[in-house]
Protein backbone atom coordinates (compact mmCIF):
# COMPACT_ATOMS: atom_id res chain seq x y z
CA MET A 1 -180.99 -180.07 30.73
CA HIS A 2 -177.63 -178.32 31.04
CA VAL A 3 -176.90 -178.10 34.89
CA GLY A 4 -174.25 -176.06 37.04
CA LEU A 5 -173.21 -177.22 40.34
CA LEU A 6 -171.13 -174.43 41.81
CA ILE A 7 -169.11 -176.07 44.97
CA SER A 8 -166.48 -174.98 46.96
CA GLY A 9 -163.15 -176.77 46.35
CA ASP A 10 -162.71 -180.24 45.00
CA ILE A 11 -165.61 -182.29 44.57
CA ASN A 12 -163.32 -185.44 45.10
CA GLN A 13 -162.99 -184.70 48.71
CA GLN A 14 -163.71 -187.71 51.45
CA SER A 15 -167.05 -186.44 52.81
CA GLY A 16 -170.41 -187.45 52.77
CA GLY A 17 -171.54 -183.66 51.42
CA TYR A 18 -169.28 -184.29 48.46
CA LEU A 19 -170.07 -187.82 48.12
CA TYR A 20 -173.96 -186.64 47.78
CA ASP A 21 -172.48 -184.09 45.02
CA ARG A 22 -170.80 -186.93 43.24
CA GLN A 23 -173.71 -189.12 42.88
CA LEU A 24 -175.97 -186.34 41.77
CA VAL A 25 -173.66 -185.37 39.18
CA SER A 26 -173.44 -189.13 38.09
CA PHE A 27 -176.96 -189.61 37.67
CA LEU A 28 -178.02 -186.47 35.93
CA GLU A 29 -175.35 -187.40 33.10
CA ARG A 30 -176.55 -191.01 32.95
CA GLN A 31 -180.00 -189.46 32.24
CA GLY A 32 -178.47 -187.42 29.43
CA ASP A 33 -178.02 -183.95 31.29
CA SER A 34 -175.18 -182.31 30.60
CA VAL A 35 -173.21 -180.94 34.32
CA GLU A 36 -170.88 -178.28 34.43
CA ILE A 37 -168.94 -178.24 37.67
CA ILE A 38 -167.47 -174.87 38.84
CA ASN A 39 -164.93 -174.69 41.57
CA LEU A 40 -164.93 -171.65 43.96
CA SER A 41 -161.54 -171.55 45.59
CA ARG A 42 -161.63 -170.82 49.20
CA SER A 43 -160.44 -167.60 50.83
CA GLY A 44 -161.16 -166.72 54.42
CA TYR A 45 -164.54 -166.16 55.92
CA LEU A 46 -164.28 -162.88 56.06
CA HIS A 47 -162.63 -162.25 52.78
CA ASP A 48 -166.04 -164.16 51.15
CA LEU A 49 -168.10 -162.20 53.22
CA LEU A 50 -167.17 -158.97 52.11
CA CYS A 51 -166.48 -159.65 48.65
CA SER A 52 -169.07 -158.09 46.25
CA SER A 53 -167.91 -159.30 42.72
CA ILE A 54 -169.26 -162.14 40.69
CA PRO A 55 -166.93 -165.11 40.62
CA ARG A 56 -165.18 -165.10 37.21
CA GLU A 57 -165.76 -168.86 37.17
CA LEU A 58 -169.46 -168.08 36.17
CA ASN A 59 -168.48 -165.74 33.11
CA GLY A 60 -169.71 -167.04 29.69
CA LEU A 61 -171.77 -170.00 31.44
CA GLN A 62 -175.00 -171.24 29.32
CA LEU A 63 -176.93 -172.79 31.83
CA ASP A 64 -180.84 -174.13 32.48
CA ILE A 65 -180.16 -174.03 36.16
CA LEU A 66 -177.61 -173.58 38.60
CA ILE A 67 -177.15 -175.88 41.66
CA GLN A 68 -175.20 -174.09 44.61
CA ASP A 69 -173.71 -176.15 47.30
CA GLU A 70 -174.46 -174.58 50.60
CA LEU A 71 -171.13 -174.52 51.72
CA VAL A 72 -170.81 -171.32 49.08
CA TYR A 73 -172.90 -168.91 50.92
CA PRO A 74 -170.20 -166.74 52.27
CA ARG A 75 -169.14 -165.96 48.73
CA VAL A 76 -172.53 -165.41 47.13
CA PHE A 77 -175.17 -164.44 49.72
CA ASN A 78 -175.07 -160.99 48.69
CA ILE A 79 -174.73 -161.07 44.71
CA ASN A 80 -177.14 -163.91 43.71
CA HIS A 81 -179.36 -161.43 42.34
CA ARG A 82 -176.68 -160.75 40.03
CA ILE A 83 -175.64 -164.13 39.59
CA LYS A 84 -179.43 -164.77 38.26
CA LYS A 85 -179.90 -162.12 36.31
CA GLN A 86 -176.01 -162.38 34.52
CA LEU A 87 -176.89 -166.26 33.78
CA ASN A 88 -180.40 -165.72 33.54
CA CYS A 89 -181.49 -169.27 34.83
CA PRO A 90 -182.81 -170.50 38.33
CA LEU A 91 -180.83 -170.89 41.43
CA VAL A 92 -181.19 -173.67 43.73
CA SER A 93 -179.51 -174.42 47.00
CA LEU A 94 -178.28 -177.76 47.99
CA VAL A 95 -178.02 -178.06 52.08
CA HIS A 96 -176.11 -180.89 53.20
CA LEU A 97 -175.67 -178.95 57.20
CA LEU A 98 -176.11 -175.09 58.07
CA ASP A 99 -172.92 -173.87 59.10
CA SER A 100 -174.66 -172.06 61.81
CA THR A 101 -175.68 -175.30 63.24
CA ARG A 102 -172.15 -176.65 63.87
CA PRO A 103 -170.45 -175.62 67.15
CA LEU A 104 -169.21 -172.05 66.69
CA ASN A 105 -167.97 -169.17 68.65
CA PRO A 106 -170.84 -166.63 69.31
CA LEU A 107 -169.72 -163.64 66.82
CA ARG A 108 -169.08 -166.56 63.94
CA ARG A 109 -172.23 -167.99 64.87
CA ILE A 110 -174.40 -164.76 64.54
CA ALA A 111 -172.51 -164.10 61.06
CA ALA A 112 -173.29 -167.31 59.87
CA GLN A 113 -177.28 -167.05 60.77
CA TRP A 114 -177.13 -163.73 59.03
CA ALA A 115 -175.33 -164.44 55.61
CA GLU A 116 -177.28 -168.07 55.86
CA ARG A 117 -180.45 -166.28 55.89
CA GLN A 118 -179.92 -164.15 53.24
CA TYR A 119 -178.86 -166.57 51.06
CA LEU A 120 -181.43 -169.03 51.41
CA ARG A 121 -183.79 -166.06 50.53
CA SER A 122 -181.90 -165.40 47.48
CA VAL A 123 -182.58 -169.01 45.90
CA ASP A 124 -185.57 -170.35 43.83
CA GLY A 125 -185.69 -173.68 45.87
CA VAL A 126 -183.90 -175.92 48.10
CA ILE A 127 -182.83 -179.48 48.35
CA LEU A 128 -182.48 -180.93 51.52
CA ASN A 129 -180.71 -184.30 52.82
CA SER A 130 -183.15 -184.74 55.79
CA ALA A 131 -186.18 -183.60 58.00
CA TYR A 132 -183.49 -182.48 60.31
CA THR A 133 -181.99 -180.24 57.97
CA LEU A 134 -185.28 -178.90 56.87
CA GLU A 135 -186.35 -178.04 60.50
CA LYS A 136 -183.14 -175.76 61.00
CA VAL A 137 -183.90 -174.02 57.46
CA ASN A 138 -187.42 -173.34 58.83
CA ASP A 139 -185.98 -172.06 62.31
CA LEU A 140 -183.59 -169.73 60.20
CA LEU A 141 -186.16 -168.54 57.83
CA LYS A 142 -189.25 -168.43 60.79
CA ASP A 143 -190.85 -171.35 58.09
CA LYS A 144 -190.65 -169.03 54.97
CA THR A 145 -188.77 -171.53 53.43
CA PRO A 146 -188.63 -171.37 49.22
CA PRO A 147 -190.09 -174.41 47.51
CA HIS A 148 -187.66 -177.33 48.70
CA ILE A 149 -187.70 -181.44 48.81
CA ILE A 150 -185.82 -183.82 50.92
CA ALA A 151 -183.91 -186.36 49.14
CA VAL A 152 -182.03 -188.58 51.74
CA PRO A 153 -178.29 -189.99 50.89
CA GLY A 154 -178.58 -193.36 49.78
CA ALA A 155 -175.80 -196.15 50.91
CA ASN A 156 -175.33 -198.56 47.69
CA HIS A 157 -172.22 -196.67 46.63
CA HIS A 158 -169.79 -199.64 47.92
CA GLU A 159 -169.00 -202.91 46.51
CA PRO A 160 -172.27 -205.09 47.59
CA PRO A 161 -171.19 -206.81 50.81
CA PRO A 162 -171.25 -211.18 50.58
CA VAL A 163 -174.35 -212.59 51.84
CA GLN A 164 -172.70 -213.59 55.14
CA ALA A 165 -172.04 -209.83 56.16
CA THR A 166 -176.05 -209.96 57.37
CA GLU A 167 -175.10 -212.77 59.90
CA SER A 168 -172.34 -211.09 61.55
CA CYS A 169 -169.94 -212.35 58.93
CA PRO A 170 -168.68 -215.90 61.03
CA GLY A 171 -164.84 -216.45 60.52
CA THR A 172 -164.33 -213.06 59.02
CA ARG A 173 -164.81 -210.78 62.38
CA ARG A 174 -162.20 -211.10 65.16
CA PRO A 175 -163.04 -212.28 68.58
CA GLY A 176 -164.32 -209.66 70.81
CA LEU A 177 -166.24 -206.49 70.12
CA ASN A 178 -164.64 -204.83 66.91
CA ILE A 179 -165.71 -201.25 66.72
CA LEU A 180 -165.62 -198.94 63.59
CA TYR A 181 -165.33 -195.07 63.87
CA ALA A 182 -166.09 -194.11 60.54
CA GLY A 183 -165.71 -190.25 60.15
CA ASN A 184 -162.97 -187.46 59.58
CA VAL A 185 -160.90 -187.11 62.84
CA ILE A 186 -162.42 -183.62 63.99
CA HIS A 187 -164.15 -182.74 67.42
CA GLN A 188 -167.43 -182.36 66.04
CA LYS A 189 -167.48 -186.47 65.19
CA GLY A 190 -166.77 -187.13 68.89
CA LEU A 191 -164.36 -189.50 68.91
CA HIS A 192 -162.88 -188.24 72.26
CA VAL A 193 -166.17 -189.59 73.59
CA LEU A 194 -165.77 -192.92 72.16
CA LEU A 195 -162.59 -193.18 73.49
CA ASP A 196 -163.20 -192.21 77.21
CA ALA A 197 -166.15 -194.57 76.83
CA LEU A 198 -163.61 -197.10 76.09
CA GLY A 199 -160.99 -196.20 78.84
CA HIS A 200 -163.51 -198.02 81.37
CA MET A 201 -163.33 -201.39 79.48
CA ASP A 202 -161.13 -204.13 79.76
CA ALA A 203 -158.51 -202.95 76.59
CA ASP A 204 -158.19 -207.21 75.78
CA LEU A 205 -161.77 -207.68 74.70
CA PHE A 206 -162.60 -205.02 72.10
CA ARG A 207 -160.64 -203.48 68.99
CA LEU A 208 -161.21 -200.05 67.63
CA THR A 209 -160.72 -198.63 64.07
CA VAL A 210 -160.86 -195.38 63.07
CA ALA A 211 -161.45 -194.80 59.54
CA GLY A 212 -161.30 -190.94 58.40
CA ARG A 213 -158.84 -188.16 57.26
CA LEU A 214 -156.16 -187.15 60.08
CA ASP A 215 -155.32 -183.55 58.66
CA MET A 216 -158.43 -181.16 58.90
CA GLU A 217 -158.00 -180.66 62.45
CA PRO A 218 -154.45 -181.32 63.71
CA ALA A 219 -154.57 -180.18 66.93
CA TYR A 220 -157.50 -181.91 68.01
CA VAL A 221 -155.64 -184.99 66.37
CA LYS A 222 -152.84 -184.65 68.55
CA ASP A 223 -155.45 -184.76 71.47
CA VAL A 224 -156.54 -187.63 70.46
CA ARG A 225 -153.24 -189.39 70.31
CA LYS A 226 -152.77 -188.15 73.93
CA ILE A 227 -156.03 -189.52 74.94
CA ILE A 228 -155.15 -193.15 73.62
CA LYS A 229 -151.71 -192.86 75.29
CA ARG A 230 -153.15 -191.75 78.53
CA LYS A 231 -155.63 -194.47 78.55
CA ASN A 232 -153.33 -197.14 77.35
CA LEU A 233 -155.13 -197.91 74.19
CA GLN A 234 -152.00 -197.94 71.75
CA HIS A 235 -152.41 -201.72 71.24
CA THR A 236 -156.30 -202.04 70.46
CA VAL A 237 -156.94 -198.63 68.57
CA GLN A 238 -155.93 -198.19 64.91
CA LEU A 239 -156.05 -194.95 63.40
CA THR A 240 -155.97 -195.81 59.62
CA GLY A 241 -156.39 -192.59 57.72
CA PRO A 242 -158.56 -192.11 54.67
CA LEU A 243 -159.87 -195.23 52.96
CA ASP A 244 -160.96 -195.72 49.50
CA SER A 245 -164.26 -197.57 48.83
CA SER A 246 -162.86 -201.03 48.65
CA ASP A 247 -160.94 -200.67 52.08
CA LEU A 248 -163.48 -199.28 53.96
CA THR A 249 -165.71 -201.83 52.47
CA THR A 250 -163.23 -204.65 54.03
CA CYS A 251 -163.44 -202.80 57.07
CA TYR A 252 -166.96 -202.84 57.51
CA LEU A 253 -166.80 -206.43 56.93
CA LYS A 254 -164.11 -206.81 59.91
CA ASN A 255 -166.30 -205.02 62.43
CA ASP A 256 -169.37 -205.57 64.59
CA VAL A 257 -170.97 -201.81 65.67
CA MET A 258 -169.99 -198.54 64.08
CA VAL A 259 -170.13 -195.82 66.67
CA LEU A 260 -170.04 -192.10 65.60
CA PRO A 261 -171.20 -189.67 68.73
CA SER A 262 -171.33 -186.77 66.68
CA ALA A 263 -172.22 -183.49 68.32
CA ASN A 264 -174.25 -182.56 65.13
CA GLU A 265 -175.09 -184.70 62.04
CA ALA A 266 -177.36 -183.51 59.69
CA TYR A 267 -178.27 -187.07 58.72
CA GLY A 268 -175.01 -189.43 58.78
CA ILE A 269 -174.68 -191.16 55.68
CA VAL A 270 -172.09 -193.47 57.62
CA TYR A 271 -175.18 -194.69 59.65
CA ILE A 272 -176.94 -196.32 56.38
CA GLU A 273 -173.50 -197.81 55.11
CA ALA A 274 -172.66 -199.33 58.29
CA GLN A 275 -176.69 -200.89 58.09
CA ARG A 276 -175.69 -202.19 54.85
CA PHE A 277 -173.09 -204.31 56.14
CA GLY A 278 -175.12 -205.58 59.21
CA LEU A 279 -173.63 -203.18 61.45
CA PRO A 280 -175.76 -201.65 64.07
CA VAL A 281 -175.00 -197.85 64.66
CA ILE A 282 -174.60 -195.80 67.59
CA GLY A 283 -175.41 -191.66 67.11
CA THR A 284 -176.32 -189.30 69.27
CA LEU A 285 -179.67 -187.53 70.16
CA ALA A 286 -178.34 -184.32 68.14
CA GLY A 287 -179.16 -183.96 64.66
CA GLY A 288 -180.39 -186.20 62.32
CA ALA A 289 -179.45 -189.43 63.28
CA GLY A 290 -182.89 -190.34 64.55
CA GLU A 291 -184.51 -190.59 61.23
CA ILE A 292 -182.25 -193.44 60.68
CA ILE A 293 -181.17 -195.26 64.22
CA GLN A 294 -184.52 -196.96 65.72
CA HIS A 295 -183.38 -196.87 69.68
CA GLY A 296 -182.66 -200.54 70.68
CA THR A 297 -183.42 -202.17 67.28
CA ASN A 298 -181.06 -201.33 64.56
CA GLY A 299 -178.74 -198.91 67.07
CA TYR A 300 -178.78 -196.78 69.68
CA LEU A 301 -178.83 -192.85 70.37
CA ILE A 302 -177.37 -191.33 73.31
CA GLU A 303 -176.88 -187.74 74.28
CA PRO A 304 -173.95 -185.80 73.01
CA GLY A 305 -170.78 -186.38 75.06
CA ASP A 306 -172.73 -189.31 77.45
CA SER A 307 -169.50 -191.37 77.25
CA LYS A 308 -171.06 -193.22 80.43
CA SER A 309 -174.04 -194.31 78.64
CA LEU A 310 -171.94 -195.80 76.00
CA THR A 311 -169.81 -197.58 77.96
CA GLU A 312 -172.94 -199.57 78.99
CA LEU A 313 -174.10 -200.07 75.62
CA LEU A 314 -170.78 -201.33 74.32
CA THR A 315 -170.05 -203.57 77.30
CA LEU A 316 -174.20 -205.08 76.51
CA LEU A 317 -173.02 -205.78 72.74
CA LEU A 318 -169.78 -207.29 74.30
CA ASN A 319 -171.46 -209.58 76.67
CA ASN A 320 -174.79 -210.46 74.76
CA ALA A 321 -173.67 -212.09 71.20
CA GLU A 322 -177.50 -213.07 70.75
CA HIS A 323 -178.75 -209.23 71.22
CA LEU A 324 -175.84 -208.18 68.77
CA ASN A 325 -176.93 -210.62 66.05
CA SER A 326 -180.55 -209.30 66.29
CA MET A 327 -179.56 -205.64 65.69
CA SER A 328 -177.47 -206.82 63.22
CA ARG A 329 -180.01 -208.42 61.22
CA ASN A 330 -182.35 -205.65 61.90
CA ALA A 331 -179.54 -202.86 60.38
CA TYR A 332 -179.37 -204.71 57.34
CA THR A 333 -183.22 -204.88 57.25
CA TYR A 334 -183.56 -201.29 57.71
CA TYR A 335 -181.06 -200.46 54.97
CA GLN A 336 -183.24 -202.69 52.13
CA GLN A 337 -186.07 -200.51 52.96
CA HIS A 338 -184.20 -197.43 52.39
CA PRO A 339 -183.92 -195.64 49.30
CA THR A 340 -181.10 -195.62 46.96
CA TRP A 341 -179.22 -193.13 45.29
CA ASP A 342 -181.16 -193.28 42.23
CA ASP A 343 -184.45 -192.96 43.82
CA SER A 344 -183.37 -189.84 45.93
CA CYS A 345 -181.09 -187.98 42.51
CA ALA A 346 -184.48 -188.97 40.60
CA ARG A 347 -186.42 -186.89 43.05
CA ILE A 348 -184.26 -183.91 42.61
CA ARG A 349 -183.97 -184.22 38.78
CA GLY A 350 -187.59 -183.95 38.85
CA PHE A 351 -187.68 -181.07 41.18
CA LEU A 352 -185.19 -179.26 39.11
CA ALA A 353 -187.14 -179.72 35.80
CA HIS A 354 -190.09 -178.23 37.85
CA THR A 355 -188.35 -175.40 38.58
CA ILE A 356 -186.89 -174.49 35.21
CA ARG A 357 -190.40 -174.74 34.24
CA SER A 358 -191.47 -172.36 37.01
């Protein structure tokens, strides 16, 4: 197959969605397919909505099928019928998270819902990363979703952890409760909720490592630093910035639990990543985290913003090493039963071939 992948910005950006895109490209190329990555430069949201010209990056392409990362919807929602005619091939959308499900102001949400609805009606198929994402697409389209599949993200893209990672890494992890927040520092991911929870604990008994980009929402990062200072957590909280795969592997090995109290996580690749290293995970009831986290078994689910419950759960893990070790083993067992990237990408490849034939 000759496959096109239309994305917004650089595919090497550090986020779960772009990681998914990279894994898919790698798999298709290993199967002998050729993949053309088409980067759309980002303009303002309103500018993209109003633009009606076909992006020049699509000129002259000869493709069997074009995959569109759903992030490009503002630019193509009203011209996909013309793109399909120009390329003479089917269009498939790869949906990581609907823009309209994110925290937005009311007018922006209405615009996103309208444009995403038109966009999803313009494609021949949809690839989804979770049952939660399918539910939201069904809600948007009133159960008139195009042909689709769910292909969940894998987690086997890091170096394999040593065997002792599944036994709480004795001699590797530091004393006390070592907590990892693995995600970009943006309001949606809920770092402020975690910091509020930690403000009610003895700072001498835990350490928090925050691994993720600090440049996406500068005002929010500034607020986070103020919270850290106000709660006297300067010596127990470390903001590392983004980490490469090797450094993130080391980070997983040095921690006991991963916490990402996101307001809306469509799936959460980092939840599976953490369980590969034997870390129980704490997420929220919002979004798709419940598809990964079995409450009380391999982690916990809290209501978004519920810092009080988060304090109680972290205190439990701090004071009950046997319980923490049991959850660590359960987390690793869950990971072992989870599909690999090749499993999921093979499903996608089969779906693409079927769409072309249809």
